[in-house]
Amino acid sequence: MKYTEIKDKTAAELATMLKEKKVLLFTLKQKLKTMQLTNPKEVSEVKKDIARINTAINALK
């Protein structure tokens, strides 16, 4: 996900996206701890997506 895809969304859409990504991050961390995650790099990608969404939310303020 790129910032250009995110910046045109409304605050409500960004809030729902942020919540979904945080839930996804939680499940990925659980899978990582139980050795069920095949690609550990997914965790860092989701973290970066969360940071991009937070940046877009702060830009709207």
Protein backbone atom coordinates (compact mmCIF):
# COMPACT_ATOMS: atom_id res chain seq x y z
CA MET A 1 0.00 0.00 0.00
CA LYS A 2 1.37 3.37 -0.99
CA TYR A 3 0.74 6.77 0.55
CA THR A 4 -0.78 8.03 -2.70
CA GLU A 5 -3.51 5.41 -2.36
CA ILE A 6 -4.25 6.50 1.19
CA LYS A 7 -4.15 10.29 1.04
CA ASP A 8 -7.44 10.63 -0.89
CA LYS A 9 -9.49 8.74 1.69
CA THR A 10 -11.71 10.32 4.34
CA ALA A 11 -10.97 10.26 8.06
CA ALA A 12 -13.61 7.59 8.70
CA GLU A 13 -12.16 5.32 6.02
CA LEU A 14 -8.68 5.81 7.41
CA ALA A 15 -9.87 4.96 10.91
CA THR A 16 -11.41 1.69 9.74
CA MET A 17 -8.29 0.83 7.74
CA LEU A 18 -6.14 1.53 10.79
CA LYS A 19 -8.26 -0.75 12.97
CA GLU A 20 -8.11 -3.56 10.38
CA LYS A 21 -4.32 -3.26 10.08
CA LYS A 22 -3.86 -3.33 13.86
CA VAL A 23 -5.95 -6.50 14.12
CA LEU A 24 -3.93 -8.00 11.27
CA LEU A 25 -0.69 -7.07 13.03
CA PHE A 26 -1.90 -8.76 16.20
CA THR A 27 -2.74 -11.98 14.38
CA LEU A 28 0.56 -11.94 12.51
CA LYS A 29 2.47 -11.53 15.76
CA GLN A 30 0.58 -14.45 17.25
CA LYS A 31 1.40 -16.61 14.23
CA LEU A 32 5.04 -15.54 14.45
CA LYS A 33 5.25 -16.63 18.08
CA THR A 34 3.71 -20.01 17.33
CA MET A 35 5.92 -20.54 14.26
CA GLN A 36 2.94 -20.61 11.86
CA LEU A 37 4.01 -17.55 9.87
CA THR A 38 5.77 -18.44 6.63
CA ASN A 39 6.95 -14.92 5.78
CA PRO A 40 8.07 -12.90 8.83
CA LYS A 41 8.58 -9.83 6.66
CA GLU A 42 4.80 -9.39 6.57
CA VAL A 43 4.96 -8.02 10.11
CA SER A 44 7.21 -5.13 9.10
CA GLU A 45 5.09 -4.41 6.02
CA VAL A 46 1.95 -4.12 8.14
CA LYS A 47 3.78 -1.86 10.60
CA LYS A 48 4.78 0.42 7.73
CA ASP A 49 1.20 0.46 6.46
CA ILE A 50 0.02 1.51 9.93
CA ALA A 51 2.58 4.31 9.95
CA ARG A 52 1.43 5.48 6.51
CA ILE A 53 -2.20 5.54 7.66
CA ASN A 54 -1.26 7.50 10.79
CA THR A 55 0.63 9.99 8.62
CA ALA A 56 -2.44 10.46 6.41
CA ILE A 57 -4.67 10.95 9.48
CA ASN A 58 -2.31 13.59 10.88
CA ALA A 59 -2.17 15.33 7.51
CA LEU A 60 -5.96 15.78 7.60
CA LYS A 61 -5.77 17.64 10.91
